[in-house]
Amino acid sequence: MSDIKSDQDAQGLPKARWYALRIYSGHERKVKEGIESEVERLGLADKLLQVYVPYERFVEVKNGKKRSLTKNAFPGYVLIEAVLDKQTRNLIMDIPSVMGFLGVGDVPTPLRPDEVEKILEPESSVEQRSVVEAPFQIGDSVKVVDGPFSSLTGVVHEVCTERMKVKVMISFFGRSTPTELDFSQVKSVSQ
């Protein structure tokens, strides 16, 4: 019985709670706009209060220039503040790209207020990321200077600047073998 009272406001009306909605990754904005459009069309603003796409902001430094960027903090999820009844639940589930609510079985589990607060509060500091320019390009000859393949040479096959890794094709026992190494483990060979 106490559970029912906690889900009601002072006037005994159902209280809006926050829920996580599982959706197809990459469709967050589309789902948000679809829900908001239906809420406006049906006049349900008193039951579906907010649709929120969690994102994080960061500053990228590349070539000495700063850019402020955002990316989805939880790809494949949208948060909804709603009074969940049959009407609102059906409206949400009928939106294209929606897979369902986070919960046990068919019962949506509301998020705890402390969880929601952490997600919604603006970050006090913006994360700063440096994007390192790759010192290598595909096809460059390199020499391994550290690790078990030290002193062997090879050709750069793939470069991953985000992870600061390079895939090198090393000739080992007469066979060309792809080996993933850190940028610091290889150096360019002057031709």
N, C-alpha and C. Protein backbone atom coordinates (compact mmCIF):
# COMPACT_ATOMS: atom_id res chain seq x y z
N MET A 1 0.82 -1.20 0.00
CA MET A 1 0.00 0.00 0.00
C MET A 1 0.87 1.27 0.00
N SER A 2 2.01 1.23 0.68
CA SER A 2 2.88 2.41 0.72
C SER A 2 3.47 2.68 -0.66
N ASP A 3 3.60 1.63 -1.47
CA ASP A 3 4.10 1.79 -2.83
C ASP A 3 3.17 2.66 -3.66
N ILE A 4 1.87 2.48 -3.49
CA ILE A 4 0.88 3.25 -4.24
C ILE A 4 0.96 4.72 -3.85
N LYS A 5 1.11 5.01 -2.57
CA LYS A 5 1.18 6.41 -2.12
C LYS A 5 2.43 7.10 -2.65
N SER A 6 3.57 6.35 -2.74
CA SER A 6 4.80 6.98 -3.21
C SER A 6 4.71 7.32 -4.70
N ASP A 7 3.82 6.66 -5.43
CA ASP A 7 3.64 6.96 -6.84
C ASP A 7 2.55 8.01 -7.09
N GLN A 8 2.09 8.67 -6.02
CA GLN A 8 1.06 9.69 -6.15
C GLN A 8 1.55 11.00 -5.55
N ASP A 9 1.04 12.10 -6.09
CA ASP A 9 1.40 13.40 -5.54
C ASP A 9 0.46 13.74 -4.38
N ALA A 10 0.53 14.98 -3.88
CA ALA A 10 -0.27 15.40 -2.71
C ALA A 10 -1.77 15.33 -2.97
N GLN A 11 -2.21 15.47 -4.21
CA GLN A 11 -3.64 15.43 -4.52
C GLN A 11 -4.11 14.01 -4.87
N GLY A 12 -3.22 13.02 -4.75
CA GLY A 12 -3.61 11.64 -5.03
C GLY A 12 -3.54 11.28 -6.50
N LEU A 13 -3.00 12.16 -7.33
CA LEU A 13 -2.85 11.88 -8.76
C LEU A 13 -1.53 11.14 -9.00
N PRO A 14 -1.46 10.33 -10.04
CA PRO A 14 -0.21 9.62 -10.32
C PRO A 14 0.94 10.60 -10.54
N LYS A 15 2.10 10.23 -10.02
CA LYS A 15 3.29 11.06 -10.08
C LYS A 15 4.14 10.65 -11.29
N ALA A 16 4.68 11.63 -11.97
CA ALA A 16 5.56 11.36 -13.11
C ALA A 16 6.88 10.82 -12.59
N ARG A 17 7.40 9.80 -13.28
CA ARG A 17 8.68 9.19 -12.93
C ARG A 17 9.55 9.15 -14.19
N TRP A 18 10.84 8.98 -14.01
CA TRP A 18 11.77 8.86 -15.11
C TRP A 18 11.95 7.40 -15.48
N TYR A 19 11.95 7.11 -16.78
CA TYR A 19 12.14 5.76 -17.30
C TYR A 19 13.18 5.80 -18.41
N ALA A 20 13.90 4.69 -18.57
CA ALA A 20 14.85 4.55 -19.68
C ALA A 20 14.16 3.75 -20.78
N LEU A 21 14.25 4.25 -21.98
CA LEU A 21 13.62 3.64 -23.13
C LEU A 21 14.71 3.10 -24.06
N ARG A 22 14.65 1.81 -24.38
CA ARG A 22 15.62 1.20 -25.30
C ARG A 22 15.16 1.45 -26.73
N ILE A 23 16.10 1.92 -27.55
CA ILE A 23 15.79 2.22 -28.95
C ILE A 23 16.95 1.76 -29.82
N TYR A 24 16.74 1.81 -31.13
CA TYR A 24 17.84 1.49 -32.03
C TYR A 24 18.91 2.57 -31.90
N SER A 25 20.15 2.13 -31.76
CA SER A 25 21.26 3.07 -31.63
C SER A 25 21.35 3.96 -32.86
N GLY A 26 21.54 5.24 -32.63
CA GLY A 26 21.62 6.20 -33.73
C GLY A 26 20.28 6.85 -34.05
N HIS A 27 19.20 6.38 -33.42
CA HIS A 27 17.87 6.92 -33.68
C HIS A 27 17.36 7.78 -32.52
N GLU A 28 18.25 8.18 -31.61
CA GLU A 28 17.84 8.91 -30.41
C GLU A 28 17.07 10.19 -30.72
N ARG A 29 17.62 11.03 -31.57
CA ARG A 29 16.96 12.31 -31.90
C ARG A 29 15.62 12.08 -32.62
N LYS A 30 15.60 11.11 -33.51
CA LYS A 30 14.39 10.79 -34.27
C LYS A 30 13.28 10.33 -33.32
N VAL A 31 13.61 9.48 -32.36
CA VAL A 31 12.62 8.99 -31.39
C VAL A 31 12.14 10.14 -30.52
N LYS A 32 13.07 10.98 -30.06
CA LYS A 32 12.71 12.14 -29.22
C LYS A 32 11.71 13.03 -29.96
N GLU A 33 12.03 13.37 -31.19
CA GLU A 33 11.15 14.23 -31.98
C GLU A 33 9.80 13.57 -32.25
N GLY A 34 9.80 12.26 -32.50
CA GLY A 34 8.56 11.53 -32.74
C GLY A 34 7.64 11.54 -31.52
N ILE A 35 8.22 11.30 -30.35
CA ILE A 35 7.42 11.31 -29.11
C ILE A 35 6.88 12.70 -28.85
N GLU A 36 7.74 13.70 -28.96
CA GLU A 36 7.30 15.08 -28.70
C GLU A 36 6.20 15.51 -29.67
N SER A 37 6.29 15.10 -30.90
CA SER A 37 5.28 15.43 -31.90
C SER A 37 3.94 14.79 -31.54
N GLU A 38 3.95 13.52 -31.15
CA GLU A 38 2.71 12.83 -30.77
C GLU A 38 2.11 13.41 -29.49
N VAL A 39 2.95 13.77 -28.54
CA VAL A 39 2.47 14.38 -27.29
C VAL A 39 1.74 15.68 -27.60
N GLU A 40 2.31 16.49 -28.47
CA GLU A 40 1.69 17.76 -28.86
C GLU A 40 0.39 17.52 -29.61
N ARG A 41 0.41 16.57 -30.54
CA ARG A 41 -0.77 16.27 -31.35
C ARG A 41 -1.93 15.77 -30.49
N LEU A 42 -1.63 14.94 -29.50
CA LEU A 42 -2.68 14.35 -28.66
C LEU A 42 -2.97 15.16 -27.39
N GLY A 43 -2.20 16.21 -27.14
CA GLY A 43 -2.41 17.04 -25.96
C GLY A 43 -2.11 16.31 -24.66
N LEU A 44 -1.00 15.58 -24.62
CA LEU A 44 -0.64 14.80 -23.43
C LEU A 44 0.56 15.39 -22.68
N ALA A 45 0.75 16.68 -22.81
CA ALA A 45 1.89 17.32 -22.15
C ALA A 45 1.85 17.19 -20.63
N ASP A 46 0.66 16.95 -20.06
CA ASP A 46 0.56 16.79 -18.61
C ASP A 46 0.96 15.38 -18.16
N LYS A 47 1.05 14.43 -19.11
CA LYS A 47 1.43 13.05 -18.77
C LYS A 47 2.85 12.70 -19.23
N LEU A 48 3.26 13.24 -20.35
CA LEU A 48 4.62 13.03 -20.85
C LEU A 48 5.35 14.36 -20.75
N LEU A 49 6.10 14.52 -19.67
CA LEU A 49 6.67 15.83 -19.37
C LEU A 49 7.96 16.14 -20.13
N GLN A 50 8.88 15.16 -20.20
CA GLN A 50 10.16 15.42 -20.85
C GLN A 50 10.66 14.18 -21.58
N VAL A 51 11.33 14.41 -22.68
CA VAL A 51 12.07 13.37 -23.39
C VAL A 51 13.49 13.90 -23.47
N TYR A 52 14.44 13.12 -22.97
CA TYR A 52 15.82 13.60 -22.86
C TYR A 52 16.80 12.60 -23.47
N VAL A 53 17.66 13.10 -24.34
CA VAL A 53 18.72 12.28 -24.91
C VAL A 53 20.00 12.64 -24.16
N PRO A 54 20.52 11.72 -23.34
CA PRO A 54 21.74 12.01 -22.58
C PRO A 54 22.94 12.17 -23.52
N TYR A 55 23.71 13.21 -23.31
CA TYR A 55 24.88 13.44 -24.12
C TYR A 55 26.00 13.97 -23.24
N GLU A 56 27.20 13.88 -23.75
CA GLU A 56 28.35 14.44 -23.03
C GLU A 56 29.06 15.42 -23.95
N ARG A 57 29.58 16.45 -23.35
CA ARG A 57 30.31 17.47 -24.10
C ARG A 57 31.79 17.29 -23.85
N PHE A 58 32.58 17.57 -24.86
CA PHE A 58 34.03 17.54 -24.69
C PHE A 58 34.66 18.51 -25.66
N VAL A 59 35.89 18.89 -25.34
CA VAL A 59 36.65 19.79 -26.21
C VAL A 59 37.73 18.96 -26.87
N GLU A 60 37.79 19.03 -28.18
CA GLU A 60 38.79 18.30 -28.93
C GLU A 60 39.85 19.29 -29.38
N VAL A 61 41.11 18.94 -29.14
CA VAL A 61 42.21 19.78 -29.60
C VAL A 61 42.89 19.04 -30.73
N LYS A 62 42.84 19.64 -31.92
CA LYS A 62 43.45 19.03 -33.10
C LYS A 62 44.17 20.11 -33.87
N ASN A 63 45.42 19.86 -34.16
CA ASN A 63 46.27 20.84 -34.85
C ASN A 63 46.29 22.18 -34.12
N GLY A 64 46.25 22.15 -32.80
CA GLY A 64 46.30 23.36 -32.00
C GLY A 64 44.99 24.14 -31.94
N LYS A 65 43.93 23.63 -32.56
CA LYS A 65 42.64 24.31 -32.56
C LYS A 65 41.65 23.55 -31.68
N LYS A 66 40.88 24.29 -30.89
CA LYS A 66 39.89 23.69 -30.01
C LYS A 66 38.52 23.69 -30.68
N ARG A 67 37.82 22.56 -30.53
CA ARG A 67 36.44 22.45 -31.01
C ARG A 67 35.61 21.84 -29.90
N SER A 68 34.44 22.41 -29.67
CA SER A 68 33.51 21.86 -28.68
C SER A 68 32.58 20.88 -29.40
N LEU A 69 32.55 19.64 -28.92
CA LEU A 69 31.75 18.59 -29.55
C LEU A 69 30.84 17.92 -28.53
N THR A 70 29.81 17.26 -29.02
CA THR A 70 28.95 16.46 -28.15
C THR A 70 28.79 15.07 -28.77
N LYS A 71 28.53 14.09 -27.90
CA LYS A 71 28.23 12.75 -28.38
C LYS A 71 27.26 12.12 -27.39
N ASN A 72 26.52 11.12 -27.87
CA ASN A 72 25.56 10.44 -27.01
C ASN A 72 26.28 9.75 -25.87
N ALA A 73 25.82 9.99 -24.64
CA ALA A 73 26.42 9.35 -23.48
C ALA A 73 25.99 7.89 -23.38
N PHE A 74 24.75 7.60 -23.76
CA PHE A 74 24.20 6.24 -23.70
C PHE A 74 23.54 5.90 -25.04
N PRO A 75 24.35 5.54 -26.04
CA PRO A 75 23.75 5.21 -27.33
C PRO A 75 22.71 4.10 -27.18
N GLY A 76 21.57 4.29 -27.82
CA GLY A 76 20.51 3.28 -27.75
C GLY A 76 19.52 3.50 -26.62
N TYR A 77 19.61 4.63 -25.93
CA TYR A 77 18.69 4.91 -24.82
C TYR A 77 18.21 6.36 -24.87
N VAL A 78 16.97 6.56 -24.46
CA VAL A 78 16.37 7.88 -24.29
C VAL A 78 15.68 7.85 -22.93
N LEU A 79 15.76 8.95 -22.20
CA LEU A 79 15.08 9.04 -20.90
C LEU A 79 13.76 9.78 -21.07
N ILE A 80 12.74 9.30 -20.36
CA ILE A 80 11.40 9.90 -20.45
C ILE A 80 10.87 10.13 -19.06
N GLU A 81 10.38 11.35 -18.81
CA GLU A 81 9.68 11.64 -17.56
C GLU A 81 8.20 11.61 -17.89
N ALA A 82 7.49 10.64 -17.29
CA ALA A 82 6.10 10.44 -17.67
C ALA A 82 5.29 9.80 -16.55
N VAL A 83 3.98 10.04 -16.63
CA VAL A 83 3.01 9.28 -15.85
C VAL A 83 2.67 8.11 -16.77
N LEU A 84 3.16 6.94 -16.42
CA LEU A 84 3.01 5.80 -17.31
C LEU A 84 1.67 5.10 -17.07
N ASP A 85 0.78 5.27 -18.02
CA ASP A 85 -0.49 4.54 -18.01
C ASP A 85 -0.62 3.87 -19.37
N LYS A 86 -1.75 3.23 -19.60
CA LYS A 86 -1.94 2.49 -20.85
C LYS A 86 -1.79 3.40 -22.07
N GLN A 87 -2.38 4.60 -22.00
CA GLN A 87 -2.35 5.54 -23.13
C GLN A 87 -0.93 6.00 -23.45
N THR A 88 -0.19 6.45 -22.43
CA THR A 88 1.16 6.96 -22.67
C THR A 88 2.12 5.84 -23.08
N ARG A 89 1.95 4.69 -22.47
CA ARG A 89 2.81 3.55 -22.81
C ARG A 89 2.59 3.12 -24.27
N ASN A 90 1.35 3.05 -24.69
CA ASN A 90 1.06 2.68 -26.08
C ASN A 90 1.59 3.72 -27.06
N LEU A 91 1.44 5.00 -26.72
CA LEU A 91 1.96 6.07 -27.56
C LEU A 91 3.46 5.89 -27.77
N ILE A 92 4.19 5.65 -26.68
CA ILE A 92 5.65 5.51 -26.75
C ILE A 92 6.04 4.26 -27.54
N MET A 93 5.37 3.15 -27.29
CA MET A 93 5.73 1.90 -27.94
C MET A 93 5.39 1.90 -29.43
N ASP A 94 4.49 2.79 -29.87
CA ASP A 94 4.12 2.87 -31.29
C ASP A 94 5.07 3.74 -32.12
N ILE A 95 6.02 4.40 -31.45
CA ILE A 95 6.98 5.24 -32.17
C ILE A 95 8.00 4.33 -32.87
N PRO A 96 8.28 4.56 -34.15
CA PRO A 96 9.27 3.74 -34.86
C PRO A 96 10.64 3.79 -34.16
N SER A 97 11.36 2.69 -34.17
CA SER A 97 12.70 2.53 -33.59
C SER A 97 12.70 2.29 -32.08
N VAL A 98 11.53 2.24 -31.44
CA VAL A 98 11.46 1.97 -30.00
C VAL A 98 11.39 0.47 -29.80
N MET A 99 12.26 -0.05 -28.92
CA MET A 99 12.29 -1.48 -28.63
C MET A 99 11.56 -1.82 -27.33
N GLY A 100 11.57 -0.91 -26.37
CA GLY A 100 10.88 -1.18 -25.11
C GLY A 100 11.49 -0.41 -23.96
N PHE A 101 10.88 -0.57 -22.80
CA PHE A 101 11.36 0.08 -21.59
C PHE A 101 12.39 -0.80 -20.90
N LEU A 102 13.29 -0.17 -20.18
CA LEU A 102 14.22 -0.89 -19.35
C LEU A 102 13.44 -1.34 -18.12
N GLY A 103 13.49 -2.61 -17.81
CA GLY A 103 12.75 -3.12 -16.67
C GLY A 103 12.78 -4.63 -16.63
N VAL A 104 11.96 -5.18 -15.77
CA VAL A 104 11.88 -6.63 -15.62
C VAL A 104 10.66 -7.13 -16.38
N GLY A 105 10.93 -7.96 -17.37
CA GLY A 105 9.83 -8.46 -18.20
C GLY A 105 9.16 -7.32 -18.94
N ASP A 106 7.83 -7.23 -18.81
CA ASP A 106 7.07 -6.17 -19.45
C ASP A 106 6.80 -5.00 -18.51
N VAL A 107 7.39 -5.02 -17.32
CA VAL A 107 7.14 -3.97 -16.33
C VAL A 107 8.29 -2.96 -16.35
N PRO A 108 8.04 -1.73 -16.82
CA PRO A 108 9.08 -0.70 -16.83
C PRO A 108 9.52 -0.36 -15.40
N THR A 109 10.82 -0.28 -15.19
CA THR A 109 11.35 0.07 -13.88
C THR A 109 11.73 1.54 -13.88
N PRO A 110 11.13 2.33 -12.96
CA PRO A 110 11.52 3.75 -12.90
C PRO A 110 12.95 3.90 -12.42
N LEU A 111 13.62 4.93 -12.90
CA LEU A 111 14.98 5.22 -12.47
C LEU A 111 14.96 5.86 -11.10
N ARG A 112 16.00 5.63 -10.33
CA ARG A 112 16.11 6.27 -9.01
C ARG A 112 16.41 7.75 -9.19
N PRO A 113 15.89 8.61 -8.31
CA PRO A 113 16.14 10.06 -8.44
C PRO A 113 17.62 10.42 -8.47
N ASP A 114 18.47 9.72 -7.70
CA ASP A 114 19.90 10.03 -7.71
C ASP A 114 20.55 9.69 -9.06
N GLU A 115 20.06 8.63 -9.72
CA GLU A 115 20.56 8.28 -11.06
C GLU A 115 20.21 9.37 -12.06
N VAL A 116 18.97 9.81 -12.00
CA VAL A 116 18.49 10.84 -12.93
C VAL A 116 19.24 12.15 -12.70
N GLU A 117 19.47 12.49 -11.46
CA GLU A 117 20.16 13.73 -11.12
C GLU A 117 21.57 13.75 -11.71
N LYS A 118 22.28 12.63 -11.62
CA LYS A 118 23.64 12.56 -12.17
C LYS A 118 23.64 12.74 -13.68
N ILE A 119 22.62 12.19 -14.35
CA ILE A 119 22.55 12.27 -15.81
C ILE A 119 22.13 13.67 -16.27
N LEU A 120 21.18 14.27 -15.55
CA LEU A 120 20.63 15.55 -15.98
C LEU A 120 21.46 16.76 -15.58
N GLU A 121 22.23 16.65 -14.49
CA GLU A 121 22.96 17.83 -14.03
C GLU A 121 24.05 18.18 -15.03
N PRO A 122 24.18 19.47 -15.31
CA PRO A 122 25.22 19.87 -16.27
C PRO A 122 26.60 19.57 -15.69
N GLU A 123 27.48 19.09 -16.55
CA GLU A 123 28.83 18.78 -16.11
C GLU A 123 29.55 20.06 -15.73
N SER A 124 30.23 20.03 -14.56
CA SER A 124 30.94 21.21 -14.10
C SER A 124 32.19 21.46 -14.94
N SER A 125 32.77 20.39 -15.43
CA SER A 125 33.94 20.58 -16.28
C SER A 125 33.74 19.82 -17.58
N VAL A 126 34.16 20.44 -18.63
CA VAL A 126 34.06 19.81 -19.94
C VAL A 126 35.35 19.02 -20.17
N GLU A 127 35.19 17.78 -20.54
CA GLU A 127 36.33 16.91 -20.78
C GLU A 127 37.12 17.44 -21.97
N GLN A 128 38.43 17.39 -21.86
CA GLN A 128 39.26 17.84 -22.97
C GLN A 128 40.02 16.66 -23.53
N ARG A 129 39.91 16.45 -24.81
CA ARG A 129 40.59 15.34 -25.48
C ARG A 129 41.56 15.91 -26.50
N SER A 130 42.69 15.30 -26.57
CA SER A 130 43.64 15.66 -27.61
C SER A 130 43.61 14.59 -28.67
N VAL A 131 43.56 15.00 -29.89
CA VAL A 131 43.63 14.06 -30.98
C VAL A 131 45.04 14.15 -31.53
N VAL A 132 45.76 13.06 -31.40
CA VAL A 132 47.15 13.02 -31.83
C VAL A 132 47.19 12.74 -33.32
N GLU A 133 47.99 13.52 -33.99
CA GLU A 133 48.19 13.26 -35.42
C GLU A 133 49.03 12.00 -35.54
N ALA A 134 48.63 11.10 -36.37
CA ALA A 134 49.37 9.86 -36.55
C ALA A 134 50.70 10.15 -37.22
N PRO A 135 51.79 9.69 -36.62
CA PRO A 135 53.09 9.93 -37.24
C PRO A 135 53.34 8.98 -38.42
N PHE A 136 52.39 8.09 -38.68
CA PHE A 136 52.55 7.10 -39.74
C PHE A 136 51.37 7.15 -40.70
N GLN A 137 51.60 6.70 -41.91
CA GLN A 137 50.54 6.56 -42.90
C GLN A 137 50.59 5.15 -43.45
N ILE A 138 49.48 4.70 -43.98
CA ILE A 138 49.42 3.36 -44.58
C ILE A 138 50.46 3.28 -45.69
N GLY A 139 51.25 2.23 -45.67
CA GLY A 139 52.30 2.03 -46.67
C GLY A 139 53.68 2.45 -46.21
N ASP A 140 53.80 3.17 -45.08
CA ASP A 140 55.10 3.59 -44.55
C ASP A 140 55.89 2.38 -44.06
N SER A 141 57.20 2.42 -44.25
CA SER A 141 58.08 1.40 -43.68
C SER A 141 58.44 1.83 -42.27
N VAL A 142 58.33 0.89 -41.33
CA VAL A 142 58.62 1.20 -39.93
C VAL A 142 59.49 0.10 -39.33
N LYS A 143 60.18 0.45 -38.25
CA LYS A 143 61.00 -0.49 -37.51
C LYS A 143 60.44 -0.60 -36.10
N VAL A 144 60.31 -1.81 -35.60
CA VAL A 144 59.82 -2.03 -34.24
C VAL A 144 60.98 -1.77 -33.30
N VAL A 145 60.78 -0.86 -32.31
CA VAL A 145 61.84 -0.49 -31.38
C VAL A 145 61.60 -1.01 -29.96
N ASP A 146 60.43 -1.63 -29.72
CA ASP A 146 60.12 -2.11 -28.38
C ASP A 146 59.22 -3.34 -28.47
N GLY A 147 59.39 -4.27 -27.55
CA GLY A 147 58.52 -5.43 -27.50
C GLY A 147 59.18 -6.66 -28.09
N PRO A 148 58.42 -7.75 -28.20
CA PRO A 148 58.99 -9.02 -28.66
C PRO A 148 59.47 -9.00 -30.11
N PHE A 149 58.98 -8.06 -30.93
CA PHE A 149 59.38 -7.98 -32.34
C PHE A 149 60.43 -6.90 -32.57
N SER A 150 61.10 -6.48 -31.49
CA SER A 150 62.10 -5.42 -31.56
C SER A 150 63.14 -5.73 -32.63
N SER A 151 63.49 -4.74 -33.39
CA SER A 151 64.47 -4.72 -34.47
C SER A 151 63.94 -5.26 -35.80
N LEU A 152 62.71 -5.77 -35.84
CA LEU A 152 62.13 -6.20 -37.11
C LEU A 152 61.50 -5.00 -37.82
N THR A 153 61.43 -5.08 -39.14
CA THR A 153 60.81 -4.00 -39.92
C THR A 153 59.55 -4.52 -40.58
N GLY A 154 58.69 -3.58 -40.95
CA GLY A 154 57.44 -3.94 -41.61
C GLY A 154 56.82 -2.75 -42.29
N VAL A 155 55.62 -2.97 -42.82
CA VAL A 155 54.91 -1.93 -43.54
C VAL A 155 53.59 -1.66 -42.81
N VAL A 156 53.25 -0.37 -42.65
CA VAL A 156 52.01 0.01 -41.97
C VAL A 156 50.83 -0.41 -42.83
N HIS A 157 49.94 -1.18 -42.21
CA HIS A 157 48.75 -1.70 -42.89
C HIS A 157 47.50 -0.92 -42.48
N GLU A 158 47.48 -0.44 -41.22
CA GLU A 158 46.29 0.24 -40.67
C GLU A 158 46.74 1.18 -39.56
N VAL A 159 46.09 2.35 -39.42
CA VAL A 159 46.41 3.31 -38.37
C VAL A 159 45.14 3.65 -37.61
N CYS A 160 45.18 3.57 -36.28
CA CYS A 160 44.04 3.91 -35.42
C CYS A 160 44.49 5.03 -34.47
N THR A 161 44.22 6.29 -34.86
CA THR A 161 44.68 7.43 -34.06
C THR A 161 43.99 7.52 -32.71
N GLU A 162 42.70 7.10 -32.62
CA GLU A 162 41.98 7.20 -31.34
C GLU A 162 42.64 6.33 -30.27
N ARG A 163 43.10 5.14 -30.66
CA ARG A 163 43.71 4.21 -29.70
C ARG A 163 45.23 4.33 -29.70
N MET A 164 45.76 5.17 -30.58
CA MET A 164 47.20 5.36 -30.73
C MET A 164 47.90 4.03 -31.02
N LYS A 165 47.31 3.29 -31.97
CA LYS A 165 47.83 1.98 -32.37
C LYS A 165 48.05 1.97 -33.88
N VAL A 166 48.94 1.09 -34.30
CA VAL A 166 49.23 0.92 -35.71
C VAL A 166 49.33 -0.59 -35.97
N LYS A 167 48.76 -1.03 -37.08
CA LYS A 167 48.88 -2.44 -37.47
C LYS A 167 49.96 -2.52 -38.53
N VAL A 168 50.98 -3.32 -38.24
CA VAL A 168 52.14 -3.44 -39.11
C VAL A 168 52.22 -4.86 -39.63
N MET A 169 52.47 -5.00 -40.93
CA MET A 169 52.70 -6.31 -41.54
C MET A 169 54.19 -6.60 -41.42
N ILE A 170 54.52 -7.53 -40.51
CA ILE A 170 55.92 -7.87 -40.26
C ILE A 170 56.24 -9.19 -40.94
N SER A 171 57.36 -9.24 -41.64
CA SER A 171 57.80 -10.48 -42.27
C SER A 171 58.51 -11.30 -41.21
N PHE A 172 57.90 -12.43 -40.86
CA PHE A 172 58.37 -13.25 -39.76
C PHE A 172 58.39 -14.69 -40.22
N PHE A 173 59.57 -15.33 -40.25
CA PHE A 173 59.74 -16.69 -40.74
C PHE A 173 59.20 -16.85 -42.16
N GLY A 174 59.43 -15.84 -43.00
CA GLY A 174 59.03 -15.91 -44.39
C GLY A 174 57.56 -15.62 -44.65
N ARG A 175 56.83 -15.27 -43.61
CA ARG A 175 55.40 -14.95 -43.76
C ARG A 175 55.14 -13.53 -43.29
N SER A 176 54.20 -12.88 -43.95
CA SER A 176 53.80 -11.54 -43.55
C SER A 176 52.70 -11.68 -42.49
N THR A 177 52.97 -11.17 -41.28
CA THR A 177 52.05 -11.32 -40.16
C THR A 177 51.58 -9.96 -39.67
N PRO A 178 50.25 -9.73 -39.56
CA PRO A 178 49.77 -8.45 -39.03
C PRO A 178 49.99 -8.41 -37.51
N THR A 179 50.58 -7.30 -37.05
CA THR A 179 50.87 -7.13 -35.63
C THR A 179 50.43 -5.75 -35.20
N GLU A 180 49.62 -5.67 -34.12
CA GLU A 180 49.17 -4.39 -33.61
C GLU A 180 50.15 -3.88 -32.57
N LEU A 181 50.61 -2.66 -32.75
CA LEU A 181 51.61 -2.05 -31.87
C LEU A 181 51.19 -0.63 -31.50
N ASP A 182 51.70 -0.14 -30.36
CA ASP A 182 51.49 1.25 -29.97
C ASP A 182 52.37 2.14 -30.84
N PHE A 183 51.97 3.40 -30.98
CA PHE A 183 52.78 4.35 -31.74
C PHE A 183 54.21 4.39 -31.19
N SER A 184 54.33 4.27 -29.86
CA SER A 184 55.65 4.39 -29.21
C SER A 184 56.54 3.18 -29.49
N GLN A 185 55.99 2.09 -29.98
CA GLN A 185 56.77 0.88 -30.23
C GLN A 185 57.39 0.83 -31.61
N VAL A 186 57.08 1.79 -32.47
CA VAL A 186 57.62 1.79 -33.83
C VAL A 186 58.14 3.16 -34.19
N LYS A 187 59.08 3.17 -35.14
CA LYS A 187 59.56 4.45 -35.67
C LYS A 187 59.70 4.32 -37.17
N SER A 188 59.56 5.45 -37.87
CA SER A 188 59.67 5.45 -39.33
C SER A 188 61.07 5.10 -39.77
N VAL A 189 61.14 4.39 -40.86
CA VAL A 189 62.42 4.05 -41.47
C VAL A 189 62.63 5.00 -42.63
N SER A 190 63.73 5.76 -42.60
CA SER A 190 64.03 6.69 -43.70
C SER A 190 64.45 5.90 -44.91
N GLN A 191 63.86 6.25 -46.04
CA GLN A 191 64.20 5.51 -47.25
C GLN A 191 65.22 6.24 -48.07
